[in-house]
Amino acid sequence: MPSFPIPIDCVKNIAPYQPGKPIEELARELSLDPETIVKLASNENPLGCSKLVAQEMSRELNDAARYPDGSGYALKDRLCSKLGIEADNLILGNGSNDILEMAAIAFLDRDRSAIYSEFCFVVNKLATQSRAAKGIEVPSIDYGHDLGRMHDSIKNDTRIVFISNPNNPTGTFIPPAEVLRFIESVPEHILVILDEAYYEYLPENLQSESVNWIKRFSNLLVTRTFSKIYGLASFRVGYGIASPSIAEILNRVRQPFNVNSYGLAAAAKALSDDSFVQASVHANNAGMKQLISVAEELELAFIPSHGNFLTIQFKQTGAEIYTKLLERGIIVRPLGGYGLHNHLRVSIGLERENERFCLALKSIMSTLEN
């Protein structure tokens, strides 16, 4: 008999989530100066966060010994004003992936199934597996969601359909009209989760009216995050928007104090700085042009992206190019875990960081060709 507790099978079969390599780890491994390392692996905002947020944090230190507001009143109040919704439409999470986990806890078990796309955000699959539910992975179309095939994959036991739009790690995007038609076609007893972590990077003409859709569809859950464009990844704050009935169910399984005081305060303040969001969009658009330019110059295929990253395809394995970039002090994201063995996902950085990547990639590809 094993000498330690044995987990249930669905947990044993989960492949742990692999985050982007930290700067400090690479510095130790290769004896590099951390200041010289460029990290373009985790879709973080290279501008950092709003200066208003930094000012707010010093005030929160005075209450470090106190538990956070478990209801998140101040943040919910700001979100309600910004989005035109009510507090009972909101669920706060330790990042938006926390909301996905709550949904899986509330609606999945071994007698139910969930549908998600090939190459979708990995947490969709992990959340499903953790509940011993059946995961139905639908083949992608051009690396993105095939909504028609996803609809045809609905079974009698299906209780959740996951859609990530834009999708990570591919950056693919589904026009809002198509998403809306899909939601209209899904039976009301099935929860549709629309993950919009990269929503704010979209131009206005591509942004959906998903916040208003929850008034029509009691089976819709929209998730967003402060980790990306707001630059608050280390604070871990996300939120879900849904009908009061769905929000109430998720709040039953939400852990007490799941969002810390600093995260609540930072997110509330971040919502008041629209100029920072605009600057982030501008920097992202400029950086995307840099990455696309080098990919085209090197005749490398890439997946057109609507996020803050670009996924590039190589003739070599992504792991080989990834290692060579690490040797040059540049961290990107290999995608072998997604089945994209010849691809790398490169986050948009500052102009000088993007340039470092471009020059390094040119050097690597030149060496491989000779």
Protein backbone atom coordinates (compact mmCIF):
# COMPACT_ATOMS: atom_id res chain seq x y z
CA MET A 1 0.00 0.00 0.00
CA PRO A 2 1.22 3.56 -0.72
CA SER A 3 2.59 5.39 2.31
CA PHE A 4 0.73 8.63 1.53
CA PRO A 5 -2.92 9.64 0.88
CA ILE A 6 -4.02 8.87 -2.67
CA PRO A 7 -6.07 11.56 -4.45
CA ILE A 8 -9.13 10.77 -6.52
CA ASP A 9 -8.49 9.76 -10.13
CA CYS A 10 -9.66 13.02 -11.69
CA VAL A 11 -7.02 14.91 -9.69
CA LYS A 12 -4.26 12.40 -10.46
CA ASN A 13 -4.91 12.90 -14.17
CA ILE A 14 -4.55 16.70 -14.09
CA ALA A 15 -1.38 18.12 -15.61
CA PRO A 16 -0.41 21.06 -13.37
CA TYR A 17 -0.64 24.53 -14.88
CA GLN A 18 2.77 25.72 -16.06
CA PRO A 19 3.22 29.50 -15.61
CA GLY A 20 5.76 31.55 -17.53
CA LYS A 21 9.32 31.23 -16.21
CA PRO A 22 10.05 33.95 -13.63
CA ILE A 23 12.91 36.37 -14.26
CA GLU A 24 14.60 35.37 -11.00
CA GLU A 25 14.60 31.69 -11.97
CA LEU A 26 16.26 32.32 -15.33
CA ALA A 27 18.81 34.61 -13.69
CA ARG A 28 19.79 31.81 -11.27
CA GLU A 29 19.90 29.12 -13.95
CA LEU A 30 22.10 31.01 -16.41
CA SER A 31 23.89 33.39 -14.03
CA LEU A 32 22.36 36.42 -15.73
CA ASP A 33 21.76 39.87 -14.34
CA PRO A 34 17.99 40.08 -13.68
CA GLU A 35 18.03 43.67 -14.95
CA THR A 36 19.06 42.46 -18.40
CA ILE A 37 16.30 39.86 -18.75
CA VAL A 38 13.21 40.58 -20.84
CA LYS A 39 10.06 38.69 -19.88
CA LEU A 40 7.49 38.38 -22.66
CA ALA A 41 5.82 35.21 -21.39
CA SER A 42 2.75 35.96 -19.30
CA ASN A 43 0.69 38.59 -21.16
CA GLU A 44 1.40 41.21 -18.51
CA ASN A 45 1.01 44.95 -19.09
CA PRO A 46 4.53 46.30 -19.77
CA LEU A 47 3.47 49.77 -18.58
CA GLY A 48 2.88 48.41 -15.08
CA CYS A 49 -0.19 49.85 -13.39
CA SER A 50 -1.78 53.27 -13.02
CA LYS A 51 0.07 55.73 -10.78
CA LEU A 52 -3.24 56.23 -9.00
CA VAL A 53 -3.09 52.60 -7.89
CA ALA A 54 0.41 52.97 -6.47
CA GLN A 55 -0.74 55.96 -4.41
CA GLU A 56 -3.71 54.00 -3.09
CA MET A 57 -1.60 51.09 -1.85
CA SER A 58 0.26 53.12 0.78
CA ARG A 59 -3.04 53.85 2.52
CA GLU A 60 -4.02 50.17 2.63
CA LEU A 61 -0.92 49.24 4.64
CA ASN A 62 -2.45 50.86 7.70
CA ASP A 63 -5.12 48.13 7.79
CA ALA A 64 -2.93 45.14 6.99
CA ALA A 65 -4.09 43.32 10.13
CA ARG A 66 -7.75 43.51 9.12
CA TYR A 67 -9.59 41.04 6.95
CA PRO A 68 -10.73 42.44 3.60
CA ASP A 69 -14.31 43.41 2.91
CA GLY A 70 -15.77 40.03 2.05
CA SER A 71 -18.51 41.61 -0.04
CA GLY A 72 -16.13 43.86 -2.00
CA TYR A 73 -18.59 46.72 -1.67
CA ALA A 74 -16.36 49.56 -2.92
CA LEU A 75 -15.13 47.66 -5.98
CA LYS A 76 -18.61 46.44 -6.83
CA ASP A 77 -19.91 50.00 -6.53
CA ARG A 78 -17.31 51.22 -9.04
CA LEU A 79 -18.05 48.36 -11.40
CA CYS A 80 -21.78 49.02 -11.22
CA SER A 81 -21.26 52.68 -12.10
CA LYS A 82 -18.91 51.87 -14.97
CA LEU A 83 -20.88 48.97 -16.47
CA GLY A 84 -24.46 50.01 -15.71
CA ILE A 85 -25.31 46.89 -13.72
CA GLU A 86 -26.40 46.08 -10.18
CA ALA A 87 -24.33 44.65 -7.34
CA ASP A 88 -26.31 41.42 -7.43
CA ASN A 89 -25.00 40.85 -10.98
CA LEU A 90 -21.41 40.59 -9.74
CA ILE A 91 -19.09 37.89 -8.44
CA LEU A 92 -15.55 38.84 -7.41
CA GLY A 93 -12.71 36.40 -7.85
CA ASN A 94 -9.05 35.83 -7.11
CA GLY A 95 -8.42 36.44 -10.79
CA SER A 96 -11.05 35.58 -13.38
CA ASN A 97 -9.91 31.95 -13.37
CA ASP A 98 -11.31 31.79 -9.83
CA ILE A 99 -14.75 32.52 -11.31
CA LEU A 100 -14.30 29.66 -13.79
CA GLU A 101 -13.47 27.33 -10.90
CA MET A 102 -16.57 28.48 -8.99
CA ALA A 103 -18.74 27.69 -12.00
CA ALA A 104 -17.25 24.21 -12.29
CA ILE A 105 -17.84 23.56 -8.58
CA ALA A 106 -21.44 24.72 -8.84
CA PHE A 107 -22.49 23.04 -12.09
CA LEU A 108 -20.23 20.07 -12.86
CA ASP A 109 -19.74 16.58 -11.48
CA ARG A 110 -18.91 13.13 -12.83
CA ASP A 111 -22.38 12.80 -14.36
CA ARG A 112 -22.13 16.02 -16.36
CA SER A 113 -20.06 17.34 -19.27
CA ALA A 114 -18.53 20.63 -20.35
CA ILE A 115 -17.62 21.80 -23.82
CA TYR A 116 -14.54 23.81 -24.76
CA SER A 117 -12.48 24.43 -27.85
CA GLU A 118 -9.18 22.94 -28.84
CA PHE A 119 -6.39 25.43 -27.95
CA CYS A 120 -8.65 27.21 -25.47
CA PHE A 121 -7.57 28.74 -22.16
CA VAL A 122 -6.19 25.80 -20.17
CA VAL A 123 -8.18 26.57 -17.00
CA ASN A 124 -11.39 25.57 -18.81
CA LYS A 125 -10.05 22.04 -19.08
CA LEU A 126 -8.49 22.02 -15.60
CA ALA A 127 -11.70 23.20 -13.93
CA THR A 128 -13.66 20.48 -15.73
CA GLN A 129 -11.18 17.74 -14.84
CA SER A 130 -11.09 18.76 -11.19
CA ARG A 131 -14.81 17.98 -10.92
CA ALA A 132 -14.43 14.57 -12.59
CA ALA A 133 -16.75 15.86 -15.31
CA LYS A 134 -16.45 14.80 -18.93
CA GLY A 135 -14.59 17.32 -21.05
CA ILE A 136 -15.69 17.58 -24.69
CA GLU A 137 -12.88 19.24 -26.62
CA VAL A 138 -14.10 20.49 -30.00
CA PRO A 139 -11.54 20.75 -32.82
CA SER A 140 -10.66 24.33 -33.65
CA ILE A 141 -11.09 26.15 -36.91
CA ASP A 142 -8.08 28.29 -37.83
CA TYR A 143 -6.90 27.93 -34.21
CA GLY A 144 -10.16 29.41 -32.91
CA HIS A 145 -13.58 28.32 -31.73
CA ASP A 146 -15.84 26.46 -34.17
CA LEU A 147 -19.15 27.55 -32.66
CA GLY A 148 -21.23 25.46 -35.03
CA ARG A 149 -19.40 22.30 -34.10
CA MET A 150 -19.48 23.25 -30.42
CA HIS A 151 -23.26 23.56 -30.63
CA ASP A 152 -23.51 20.18 -32.33
CA SER A 153 -21.40 18.67 -29.52
CA ILE A 154 -23.96 19.51 -26.82
CA LYS A 155 -25.12 16.34 -25.05
CA ASN A 156 -27.98 15.62 -22.67
CA ASP A 157 -25.54 15.84 -19.77
CA THR A 158 -23.83 19.08 -20.88
CA ARG A 159 -24.05 21.83 -18.27
CA ILE A 160 -21.29 24.32 -19.26
CA VAL A 161 -19.94 25.69 -22.54
CA PHE A 162 -16.71 27.69 -22.28
CA ILE A 163 -15.90 30.43 -24.80
CA SER A 164 -12.77 32.60 -24.54
CA ASN A 165 -13.01 35.71 -26.70
CA PRO A 166 -10.33 36.80 -27.52
CA ASN A 167 -8.79 33.41 -26.90
CA ASN A 168 -5.56 32.71 -25.08
CA PRO A 169 -3.07 31.42 -26.25
CA THR A 170 -4.02 31.86 -29.90
CA GLY A 171 -5.43 35.42 -29.91
CA THR A 172 -8.32 34.42 -32.14
CA PHE A 173 -11.56 36.39 -32.01
CA ILE A 174 -15.22 35.68 -32.74
CA PRO A 175 -17.37 38.62 -33.92
CA PRO A 176 -19.97 39.57 -31.29
CA ALA A 177 -22.88 38.84 -33.63
CA GLU A 178 -21.74 35.23 -33.97
CA VAL A 179 -21.31 34.86 -30.22
CA LEU A 180 -24.79 36.26 -29.65
CA ARG A 181 -26.35 33.84 -32.15
CA PHE A 182 -24.60 30.98 -30.41
CA ILE A 183 -25.88 32.00 -26.98
CA GLU A 184 -29.39 32.27 -28.40
CA SER A 185 -29.13 28.68 -29.65
CA VAL A 186 -27.95 27.11 -26.39
CA PRO A 187 -30.64 25.52 -24.16
CA GLU A 188 -31.40 27.59 -21.07
CA HIS A 189 -30.30 24.87 -18.64
CA ILE A 190 -26.71 25.07 -19.95
CA LEU A 191 -24.40 27.77 -18.59
CA VAL A 192 -22.47 29.68 -21.26
CA ILE A 193 -19.26 31.17 -19.88
CA LEU A 194 -17.87 34.00 -22.00
CA ASP A 195 -14.32 34.73 -20.85
CA GLU A 196 -13.36 38.26 -21.92
CA ALA A 197 -9.99 38.67 -20.17
CA TYR A 198 -8.63 40.66 -23.13
CA TYR A 199 -11.82 42.61 -23.85
CA GLU A 200 -10.31 46.06 -23.22
CA TYR A 201 -7.65 45.54 -25.91
CA LEU A 202 -10.32 45.31 -28.60
CA PRO A 203 -11.17 48.38 -30.69
CA GLU A 204 -14.59 49.77 -29.84
CA ASN A 205 -16.18 48.47 -33.03
CA LEU A 206 -15.32 44.89 -31.99
CA GLN A 207 -16.32 45.12 -28.34
CA SER A 208 -19.46 43.16 -27.56
CA GLU A 209 -22.53 44.22 -25.59
CA SER A 210 -22.07 41.20 -23.35
CA VAL A 211 -22.78 43.19 -20.18
CA ASN A 212 -26.25 43.88 -21.53
CA TRP A 213 -26.70 40.31 -22.76
CA ILE A 214 -26.94 39.07 -19.17
CA LYS A 215 -30.29 40.87 -18.96
CA ARG A 216 -31.57 38.64 -21.77
CA PHE A 217 -29.90 35.36 -20.87
CA SER A 218 -30.15 33.93 -17.38
CA ASN A 219 -27.67 31.21 -18.41
CA LEU A 220 -24.81 33.59 -19.37
CA LEU A 221 -21.73 34.30 -17.25
CA VAL A 222 -19.21 36.90 -18.49
CA THR A 223 -15.77 36.95 -16.87
CA ARG A 224 -13.17 39.74 -16.98
CA THR A 225 -9.96 40.54 -15.16
CA PHE A 226 -7.77 43.32 -13.82
CA SER A 227 -4.64 41.28 -14.58
CA LYS A 228 -4.19 42.35 -18.18
CA ILE A 229 -4.82 45.89 -19.37
CA TYR A 230 -5.10 47.27 -15.82
CA GLY A 231 -1.68 45.86 -14.93
CA LEU A 232 -2.73 44.26 -11.64
CA ALA A 233 -1.65 40.65 -12.27
CA SER A 234 0.07 40.29 -8.88
CA PHE A 235 -3.06 41.43 -7.01
CA ARG A 236 -5.23 38.67 -8.55
CA VAL A 237 -8.58 40.34 -9.09
CA GLY A 238 -11.23 39.28 -11.55
CA TYR A 239 -14.99 39.46 -11.73
CA GLY A 240 -17.99 37.73 -13.21
CA ILE A 241 -21.15 39.35 -14.53
CA ALA A 242 -24.35 37.31 -14.59
CA SER A 243 -28.03 37.26 -13.77
CA PRO A 244 -28.73 37.57 -10.02
CA SER A 245 -29.69 33.88 -9.91
CA ILE A 246 -26.34 32.72 -11.33
CA ALA A 247 -24.35 35.24 -9.27
CA GLU A 248 -26.08 34.06 -6.08
CA ILE A 249 -25.20 30.45 -6.82
CA LEU A 250 -21.53 31.23 -7.46
CA ASN A 251 -21.31 33.35 -4.35
CA ARG A 252 -22.39 30.29 -2.36
CA VAL A 253 -19.21 28.45 -3.36
CA ARG A 254 -16.92 31.49 -3.34
CA GLN A 255 -14.28 31.29 -0.63
CA PRO A 256 -14.59 33.90 2.15
CA PHE A 257 -12.23 36.85 1.63
CA ASN A 258 -11.10 35.41 -1.72
CA VAL A 259 -9.91 38.86 -2.86
CA ASN A 260 -7.43 40.60 -0.58
CA SER A 261 -7.73 44.21 0.58
CA TYR A 262 -4.93 45.45 -1.65
CA GLY A 263 -6.48 43.88 -4.70
CA LEU A 264 -9.90 45.33 -3.94
CA ALA A 265 -8.49 48.81 -3.43
CA ALA A 266 -6.18 48.62 -6.46
CA ALA A 267 -8.94 47.44 -8.79
CA ALA A 268 -11.38 50.10 -7.61
CA LYS A 269 -8.82 52.84 -8.18
CA ALA A 270 -7.72 51.41 -11.55
CA LEU A 271 -11.26 51.81 -12.88
CA SER A 272 -10.95 55.60 -12.49
CA ASP A 273 -7.92 55.96 -14.78
CA ASP A 274 -9.19 55.73 -18.35
CA SER A 275 -6.09 57.50 -19.66
CA PHE A 276 -3.91 54.61 -18.47
CA VAL A 277 -6.11 52.14 -20.33
CA GLN A 278 -5.86 54.22 -23.49
CA ALA A 279 -2.07 54.43 -23.15
CA SER A 280 -1.92 50.66 -22.71
CA VAL A 281 -3.96 50.09 -25.87
CA HIS A 282 -1.71 52.48 -27.80
CA ALA A 283 1.46 50.74 -26.57
CA ASN A 284 -0.01 47.34 -27.37
CA ASN A 285 -0.96 48.31 -30.91
CA ALA A 286 2.52 49.70 -31.58
CA GLY A 287 4.18 46.64 -30.08
CA MET A 288 2.00 44.28 -32.10
CA LYS A 289 3.24 45.97 -35.28
CA GLN A 290 6.83 45.34 -34.19
CA LEU A 291 6.25 41.62 -33.64
CA ILE A 292 4.25 41.17 -36.83
CA SER A 293 6.95 43.00 -38.78
CA VAL A 294 9.72 40.65 -37.66
CA ALA A 295 7.58 37.57 -38.25
CA GLU A 296 6.83 38.72 -41.79
CA GLU A 297 10.47 39.64 -42.42
CA LEU A 298 11.55 36.14 -41.35
CA GLU A 299 8.65 34.57 -43.29
CA LEU A 300 7.26 32.98 -40.13
CA ALA A 301 3.58 32.15 -39.94
CA PHE A 302 1.64 33.66 -37.05
CA ILE A 303 -1.91 33.63 -35.74
CA PRO A 304 -3.58 37.06 -36.12
CA SER A 305 -4.13 38.22 -32.54
CA HIS A 306 -6.69 40.41 -30.77
CA GLY A 307 -4.93 40.21 -27.41
CA ASN A 308 -1.67 41.55 -26.02
CA PHE A 309 0.46 38.76 -27.47
CA LEU A 310 1.34 37.12 -30.77
CA THR A 311 1.65 33.38 -31.36
CA ILE A 312 4.32 32.56 -33.94
CA GLN A 313 4.88 29.27 -35.75
CA PHE A 314 8.31 27.82 -36.55
CA LYS A 315 9.63 24.99 -38.69
CA GLN A 316 11.64 23.95 -35.65
CA THR A 317 10.03 22.98 -32.38
CA GLY A 318 8.97 25.87 -30.23
CA ALA A 319 11.05 24.38 -27.39
CA GLU A 320 14.22 24.73 -29.46
CA ILE A 321 13.64 28.41 -30.24
CA TYR A 322 12.48 29.00 -26.65
CA THR A 323 15.77 27.64 -25.27
CA LYS A 324 17.85 29.77 -27.60
CA LEU A 325 15.91 32.86 -26.57
CA LEU A 326 16.45 32.01 -22.90
CA GLU A 327 20.19 31.91 -23.53
CA ARG A 328 19.88 35.49 -24.74
CA GLY A 329 17.95 36.54 -21.64
CA ILE A 330 14.50 36.60 -23.27
CA ILE A 331 11.56 34.67 -21.80
CA VAL A 332 8.59 33.79 -24.01
CA ARG A 333 5.99 31.04 -23.69
CA PRO A 334 6.30 27.59 -25.32
CA LEU A 335 2.94 26.03 -26.15
CA GLY A 336 3.67 22.33 -26.26
CA GLY A 337 1.20 21.82 -23.41
CA TYR A 338 -1.53 23.09 -25.71
CA GLY A 339 -0.51 20.76 -28.52
CA LEU A 340 1.10 23.65 -30.41
CA HIS A 341 4.59 22.15 -30.47
CA ASN A 342 5.96 24.42 -33.17
CA HIS A 343 4.63 27.65 -31.71
CA LEU A 344 5.72 30.29 -29.22
CA ARG A 345 3.49 32.90 -27.63
CA VAL A 346 5.20 36.27 -27.30
CA SER A 347 3.68 38.94 -25.07
CA ILE A 348 3.81 42.56 -26.18
CA GLY A 349 6.42 44.45 -24.16
CA LEU A 350 7.85 47.94 -24.16
CA GLU A 351 9.28 49.13 -27.45
CA ARG A 352 12.87 48.36 -26.36
CA GLU A 353 11.85 44.92 -25.08
CA ASN A 354 10.11 44.08 -28.33
CA GLU A 355 13.20 45.22 -30.20
CA ARG A 356 15.41 42.95 -28.06
CA PHE A 357 13.18 40.03 -28.98
CA CYS A 358 13.17 40.93 -32.68
CA LEU A 359 16.95 41.21 -32.88
CA ALA A 360 17.44 37.97 -30.95
CA LEU A 361 14.98 36.10 -33.14
CA LYS A 362 16.67 37.35 -36.31
CA SER A 363 20.01 36.17 -34.97
CA ILE A 364 18.65 32.75 -34.02
CA MET A 365 16.92 32.18 -37.33
CA SER A 366 20.01 33.29 -39.25
CA THR A 367 22.13 30.77 -37.33
CA LEU A 368 19.65 27.96 -37.97
CA GLU A 369 19.57 28.65 -41.69
CA ASN A 370 23.37 28.49 -42.06
